[in-house]
Amino acid sequence: MNWQGIDLRWAYNDLLLSLSRQTRCVHRAYDVLHDALLRFALAQHSQPVTQPNAYLRQVAQSVLIDHYRRNDRLQPLPDYEEARDEHVAPSAEHLLDIQQRLTALHRILDCLPPRCREVFWLARIEGYAQKEIAIKLEISLNMVERHMARALVTLRDARDLLRA
């Protein structure tokens, strides 16, 4: 069975098996494969793809890398490793601390110029690459880098003030 030049039997047998080995989770492998198929379908090809299966494999590897990068940004709750089998909920003090930190971060970000704040949000919260931000906001890559640098310097200075 072919779909846009891709042998779907190969994709759901060989490629899925390869992704399952890499992720060590069949469900995650299905997610990666489906994201790759979606990216393949939405890609604007200026020339016809001569080897769609090889192209799909490369797209799947890129999706897998993106998935791991996104998950690296997540942090487990404190002491989660020791109490893995127990149902652990964060303490009220911990939740209050997180809430206060988020409020302080929100105030600091509100002091940034709107475009600088938007670039920071897209990069650090939504996970866009700088090139994607430049395209999305219709600004140069150099301006994206400047806005990010300004936001990070502002956050560093605010952190230093809080420590003092």
C-alpha atoms as a PDB file:
ATOM      1  CA  MET A   1       0.000   0.000   0.000  1.00  0.00           C
ATOM      2  CA  ASN A   2       1.482   3.325  -1.095  1.00  0.00           C
ATOM      3  CA  TRP A   3       0.743   6.788   0.244  1.00  0.00           C
ATOM      4  CA  GLN A   4       2.500   9.752  -1.405  1.00  0.00           C
ATOM      5  CA  GLY A   5       5.164   7.357  -2.650  1.00  0.00           C
ATOM      6  CA  ILE A   6       5.787   5.791   0.776  1.00  0.00           C
ATOM      7  CA  ASP A   7       5.312   2.077   1.289  1.00  0.00           C
ATOM      8  CA  LEU A   8       3.111   2.119   4.398  1.00  0.00           C
ATOM      9  CA  ARG A   9       3.797  -1.566   5.122  1.00  0.00           C
ATOM     10  CA  TRP A  10       7.494  -0.707   5.347  1.00  0.00           C
ATOM     11  CA  ALA A  11       6.741   2.341   7.512  1.00  0.00           C
ATOM     12  CA  TYR A  12       4.563   0.440   9.984  1.00  0.00           C
ATOM     13  CA  ASN A  13       6.820  -2.612  10.072  1.00  0.00           C
ATOM     14  CA  ASP A  14      10.484  -1.761   9.588  1.00  0.00           C
ATOM     15  CA  LEU A  15      10.551   1.934  10.448  1.00  0.00           C
ATOM     16  CA  LEU A  16       8.238   1.502  13.436  1.00  0.00           C
ATOM     17  CA  LEU A  17      10.372  -1.384  14.717  1.00  0.00           C
ATOM     18  CA  SER A  18      13.498   0.760  14.410  1.00  0.00           C
ATOM     19  CA  LEU A  19      11.825   3.661  16.217  1.00  0.00           C
ATOM     20  CA  SER A  20      10.566   1.294  18.932  1.00  0.00           C
ATOM     21  CA  ARG A  21      14.122   0.117  19.563  1.00  0.00           C
ATOM     22  CA  GLN A  22      15.390   3.684  19.767  1.00  0.00           C
ATOM     23  CA  THR A  23      12.626   4.948  22.051  1.00  0.00           C
ATOM     24  CA  ARG A  24      12.132   1.705  24.012  1.00  0.00           C
ATOM     25  CA  CYS A  25       8.400   2.472  23.898  1.00  0.00           C
ATOM     26  CA  VAL A  26       5.975   1.370  21.187  1.00  0.00           C
ATOM     27  CA  HIS A  27       3.539   4.191  21.939  1.00  0.00           C
ATOM     28  CA  ARG A  28       6.252   6.834  21.652  1.00  0.00           C
ATOM     29  CA  ALA A  29       7.436   5.197  18.406  1.00  0.00           C
ATOM     30  CA  TYR A  30       3.906   5.457  16.995  1.00  0.00           C
ATOM     31  CA  ASP A  31       3.811   9.138  17.986  1.00  0.00           C
ATOM     32  CA  VAL A  32       7.149   9.796  16.286  1.00  0.00           C
ATOM     33  CA  LEU A  33       6.098   7.918  13.144  1.00  0.00           C
ATOM     34  CA  HIS A  34       2.794   9.768  12.908  1.00  0.00           C
ATOM     35  CA  ASP A  35       4.496  13.130  13.441  1.00  0.00           C
ATOM     36  CA  ALA A  36       7.006  12.219  10.731  1.00  0.00           C
ATOM     37  CA  LEU A  37       4.234  11.235   8.315  1.00  0.00           C
ATOM     38  CA  LEU A  38       2.475  14.510   9.026  1.00  0.00           C
ATOM     39  CA  ARG A  39       5.653  16.539   8.454  1.00  0.00           C
ATOM     40  CA  PHE A  40       6.285  14.604   5.259  1.00  0.00           C
ATOM     41  CA  ALA A  41       2.764  15.350   4.008  1.00  0.00           C
ATOM     42  CA  LEU A  42       2.942  19.044   4.917  1.00  0.00           C
ATOM     43  CA  ALA A  43       6.438  19.633   3.523  1.00  0.00           C
ATOM     44  CA  GLN A  44       6.583  21.831   0.449  1.00  0.00           C
ATOM     45  CA  HIS A  45       8.866  19.928  -1.906  1.00  0.00           C
ATOM     46  CA  SER A  46      10.367  22.097  -4.631  1.00  0.00           C
ATOM     47  CA  GLN A  47      11.398  18.907  -6.450  1.00  0.00           C
ATOM     48  CA  PRO A  48       9.811  15.467  -6.317  1.00  0.00           C
ATOM     49  CA  VAL A  49      11.298  13.201  -3.665  1.00  0.00           C
ATOM     50  CA  THR A  50      13.094  10.370  -5.454  1.00  0.00           C
ATOM     51  CA  GLN A  51      13.429   8.147  -2.384  1.00  0.00           C
ATOM     52  CA  PRO A  52      10.403   8.833  -0.178  1.00  0.00           C
ATOM     53  CA  ASN A  53      11.128   5.991   2.270  1.00  0.00           C
ATOM     54  CA  ALA A  54      14.671   7.256   2.926  1.00  0.00           C
ATOM     55  CA  TYR A  55      13.331  10.785   3.238  1.00  0.00           C
ATOM     56  CA  LEU A  56      10.678   9.636   5.719  1.00  0.00           C
ATOM     57  CA  ARG A  57      13.339   7.821   7.769  1.00  0.00           C
ATOM     58  CA  GLN A  58      15.354  11.058   7.984  1.00  0.00           C
ATOM     59  CA  VAL A  59      12.255  13.052   8.943  1.00  0.00           C
ATOM     60  CA  ALA A  60      11.458  10.469  11.647  1.00  0.00           C
ATOM     61  CA  GLN A  61      14.981  10.810  13.055  1.00  0.00           C
ATOM     62  CA  SER A  62      14.562  14.583  13.186  1.00  0.00           C
ATOM     63  CA  VAL A  63      11.214  14.224  14.954  1.00  0.00           C
ATOM     64  CA  LEU A  64      12.797  11.824  17.440  1.00  0.00           C
ATOM     65  CA  ILE A  65      15.607  14.300  18.181  1.00  0.00           C
ATOM     66  CA  ASP A  66      13.057  17.091  18.662  1.00  0.00           C
ATOM     67  CA  HIS A  67      11.107  14.836  21.027  1.00  0.00           C
ATOM     68  CA  TYR A  68      14.186  14.121  23.156  1.00  0.00           C
ATOM     69  CA  ARG A  69      15.155  17.813  23.245  1.00  0.00           C
ATOM     70  CA  ARG A  70      11.653  18.765  24.387  1.00  0.00           C
ATOM     71  CA  ASN A  71      11.680  16.094  27.104  1.00  0.00           C
ATOM     72  CA  ASP A  72      15.130  17.188  28.340  1.00  0.00           C
ATOM     73  CA  ARG A  73      13.549  20.482  29.382  1.00  0.00           C
ATOM     74  CA  LEU A  74      11.166  18.705  31.770  1.00  0.00           C
ATOM     75  CA  GLN A  75      12.346  18.109  35.314  1.00  0.00           C
ATOM     76  CA  PRO A  76      11.025  15.505  37.753  1.00  0.00           C
ATOM     77  CA  LEU A  77       9.574  16.610  41.061  1.00  0.00           C
ATOM     78  CA  PRO A  78      12.090  16.742  43.942  1.00  0.00           C
ATOM     79  CA  ASP A  79      12.638  13.412  45.681  1.00  0.00           C
ATOM     80  CA  TYR A  80      10.692  11.633  42.944  1.00  0.00           C
ATOM     81  CA  GLU A  81      13.406   9.020  42.430  1.00  0.00           C
ATOM     82  CA  GLU A  82      13.231   7.800  46.043  1.00  0.00           C
ATOM     83  CA  ALA A  83       9.435   7.707  46.225  1.00  0.00           C
ATOM     84  CA  ARG A  84       8.732   6.320  42.767  1.00  0.00           C
ATOM     85  CA  ASP A  85       6.261   3.657  43.984  1.00  0.00           C
ATOM     86  CA  GLU A  86       4.395   5.976  46.326  1.00  0.00           C
ATOM     87  CA  HIS A  87       1.893   8.605  45.263  1.00  0.00           C
ATOM     88  CA  VAL A  88       3.804  11.804  45.888  1.00  0.00           C
ATOM     89  CA  ALA A  89       2.248  15.229  45.801  1.00  0.00           C
ATOM     90  CA  PRO A  90       4.291  18.399  46.201  1.00  0.00           C
ATOM     91  CA  SER A  91       3.957  20.109  49.562  1.00  0.00           C
ATOM     92  CA  ALA A  92       2.028  23.339  49.977  1.00  0.00           C
ATOM     93  CA  GLU A  93       5.316  25.134  50.657  1.00  0.00           C
ATOM     94  CA  HIS A  94       6.811  23.813  47.444  1.00  0.00           C
ATOM     95  CA  LEU A  95       3.751  24.871  45.432  1.00  0.00           C
ATOM     96  CA  LEU A  96       3.831  28.333  47.035  1.00  0.00           C
ATOM     97  CA  ASP A  97       7.533  28.648  46.204  1.00  0.00           C
ATOM     98  CA  ILE A  98       6.851  27.727  42.572  1.00  0.00           C
ATOM     99  CA  GLN A  99       3.961  30.190  42.418  1.00  0.00           C
ATOM    100  CA  GLN A 100       6.115  32.998  43.829  1.00  0.00           C
ATOM    101  CA  ARG A 101       8.907  32.251  41.363  1.00  0.00           C
ATOM    102  CA  LEU A 102       6.473  32.250  38.451  1.00  0.00           C
ATOM    103  CA  THR A 103       4.986  35.562  39.606  1.00  0.00           C
ATOM    104  CA  ALA A 104       8.476  37.081  39.845  1.00  0.00           C
ATOM    105  CA  LEU A 105       9.360  35.735  36.387  1.00  0.00           C
ATOM    106  CA  HIS A 106       6.129  37.155  34.988  1.00  0.00           C
ATOM    107  CA  ARG A 107       6.920  40.592  36.431  1.00  0.00           C
ATOM    108  CA  ILE A 108      10.438  40.524  34.982  1.00  0.00           C
ATOM    109  CA  LEU A 109       9.147  39.486  31.551  1.00  0.00           C
ATOM    110  CA  ASP A 110       6.509  42.241  31.678  1.00  0.00           C
ATOM    111  CA  CYS A 111       9.354  44.770  31.890  1.00  0.00           C
ATOM    112  CA  LEU A 112      10.759  43.612  28.553  1.00  0.00           C
ATOM    113  CA  PRO A 113       9.728  45.284  25.295  1.00  0.00           C
ATOM    114  CA  PRO A 114       6.828  43.411  23.657  1.00  0.00           C
ATOM    115  CA  ARG A 115       8.854  41.959  20.765  1.00  0.00           C
ATOM    116  CA  CYS A 116      11.652  40.856  23.102  1.00  0.00           C
ATOM    117  CA  ARG A 117       9.111  39.184  25.400  1.00  0.00           C
ATOM    118  CA  GLU A 118       7.460  37.473  22.439  1.00  0.00           C
ATOM    119  CA  VAL A 119      10.773  36.098  21.154  1.00  0.00           C
ATOM    120  CA  PHE A 120      11.690  34.820  24.624  1.00  0.00           C
ATOM    121  CA  TRP A 121       8.265  33.177  25.030  1.00  0.00           C
ATOM    122  CA  LEU A 122       8.430  31.439  21.657  1.00  0.00           C
ATOM    123  CA  ALA A 123      11.969  30.193  22.257  1.00  0.00           C
ATOM    124  CA  ARG A 124      11.918  29.142  25.897  1.00  0.00           C
ATOM    125  CA  ILE A 125       8.289  28.310  26.582  1.00  0.00           C
ATOM    126  CA  GLU A 126       6.974  27.052  23.261  1.00  0.00           C
ATOM    127  CA  GLY A 127      10.293  25.564  22.115  1.00  0.00           C
ATOM    128  CA  TYR A 128      10.640  27.188  18.697  1.00  0.00           C
ATOM    129  CA  ALA A 129      14.077  27.359  17.092  1.00  0.00           C
ATOM    130  CA  GLN A 130      15.471  30.825  16.409  1.00  0.00           C
ATOM    131  CA  LYS A 131      15.106  30.366  12.664  1.00  0.00           C
ATOM    132  CA  GLU A 132      11.437  29.425  13.091  1.00  0.00           C
ATOM    133  CA  ILE A 133      10.875  32.498  15.273  1.00  0.00           C
ATOM    134  CA  ALA A 134      12.463  34.737  12.645  1.00  0.00           C
ATOM    135  CA  ILE A 135      10.126  33.361   9.992  1.00  0.00           C
ATOM    136  CA  LYS A 136       7.064  33.481  12.241  1.00  0.00           C
ATOM    137  CA  LEU A 137       7.649  37.084  13.377  1.00  0.00           C
ATOM    138  CA  GLU A 138       9.042  38.202  10.005  1.00  0.00           C
ATOM    139  CA  ILE A 139      12.272  39.552  11.498  1.00  0.00           C
ATOM    140  CA  SER A 140      15.898  38.716  10.825  1.00  0.00           C
ATOM    141  CA  LEU A 141      17.695  35.925  12.645  1.00  0.00           C
ATOM    142  CA  ASN A 142      20.091  38.554  13.985  1.00  0.00           C
ATOM    143  CA  MET A 143      17.176  40.408  15.629  1.00  0.00           C
ATOM    144  CA  VAL A 144      15.914  37.176  17.185  1.00  0.00           C
ATOM    145  CA  GLU A 145      19.374  36.621  18.678  1.00  0.00           C
ATOM    146  CA  ARG A 146      19.491  40.190  19.992  1.00  0.00           C
ATOM    147  CA  HIS A 147      16.058  39.911  21.585  1.00  0.00           C
ATOM    148  CA  MET A 148      17.003  36.602  23.223  1.00  0.00           C
ATOM    149  CA  ALA A 149      20.274  38.043  24.520  1.00  0.00           C
ATOM    150  CA  ARG A 150      18.468  41.055  25.965  1.00  0.00           C
ATOM    151  CA  ALA A 151      15.861  38.863  27.679  1.00  0.00           C
ATOM    152  CA  LEU A 152      18.515  36.553  29.125  1.00  0.00           C
ATOM    153  CA  VAL A 153      20.639  39.454  30.383  1.00  0.00           C
ATOM    154  CA  THR A 154      17.556  40.986  32.014  1.00  0.00           C
ATOM    155  CA  LEU A 155      16.711  37.672  33.702  1.00  0.00           C
ATOM    156  CA  ARG A 156      20.313  37.204  34.868  1.00  0.00           C
ATOM    157  CA  ASP A 157      20.427  40.705  36.308  1.00  0.00           C
ATOM    158  CA  ALA A 158      17.125  40.161  38.114  1.00  0.00           C
ATOM    159  CA  ARG A 159      18.416  36.865  39.524  1.00  0.00           C
ATOM    160  CA  ASP A 160      21.573  38.592  40.767  1.00  0.00           C
ATOM    161  CA  LEU A 161      19.472  41.282  42.451  1.00  0.00           C
ATOM    162  CA  LEU A 162      17.357  38.654  44.197  1.00  0.00           C
ATOM    163  CA  ARG A 163      20.463  36.875  45.488  1.00  0.00           C
ATOM    164  CA  ALA A 164      21.981  40.082  46.853  1.00  0.00           C
END
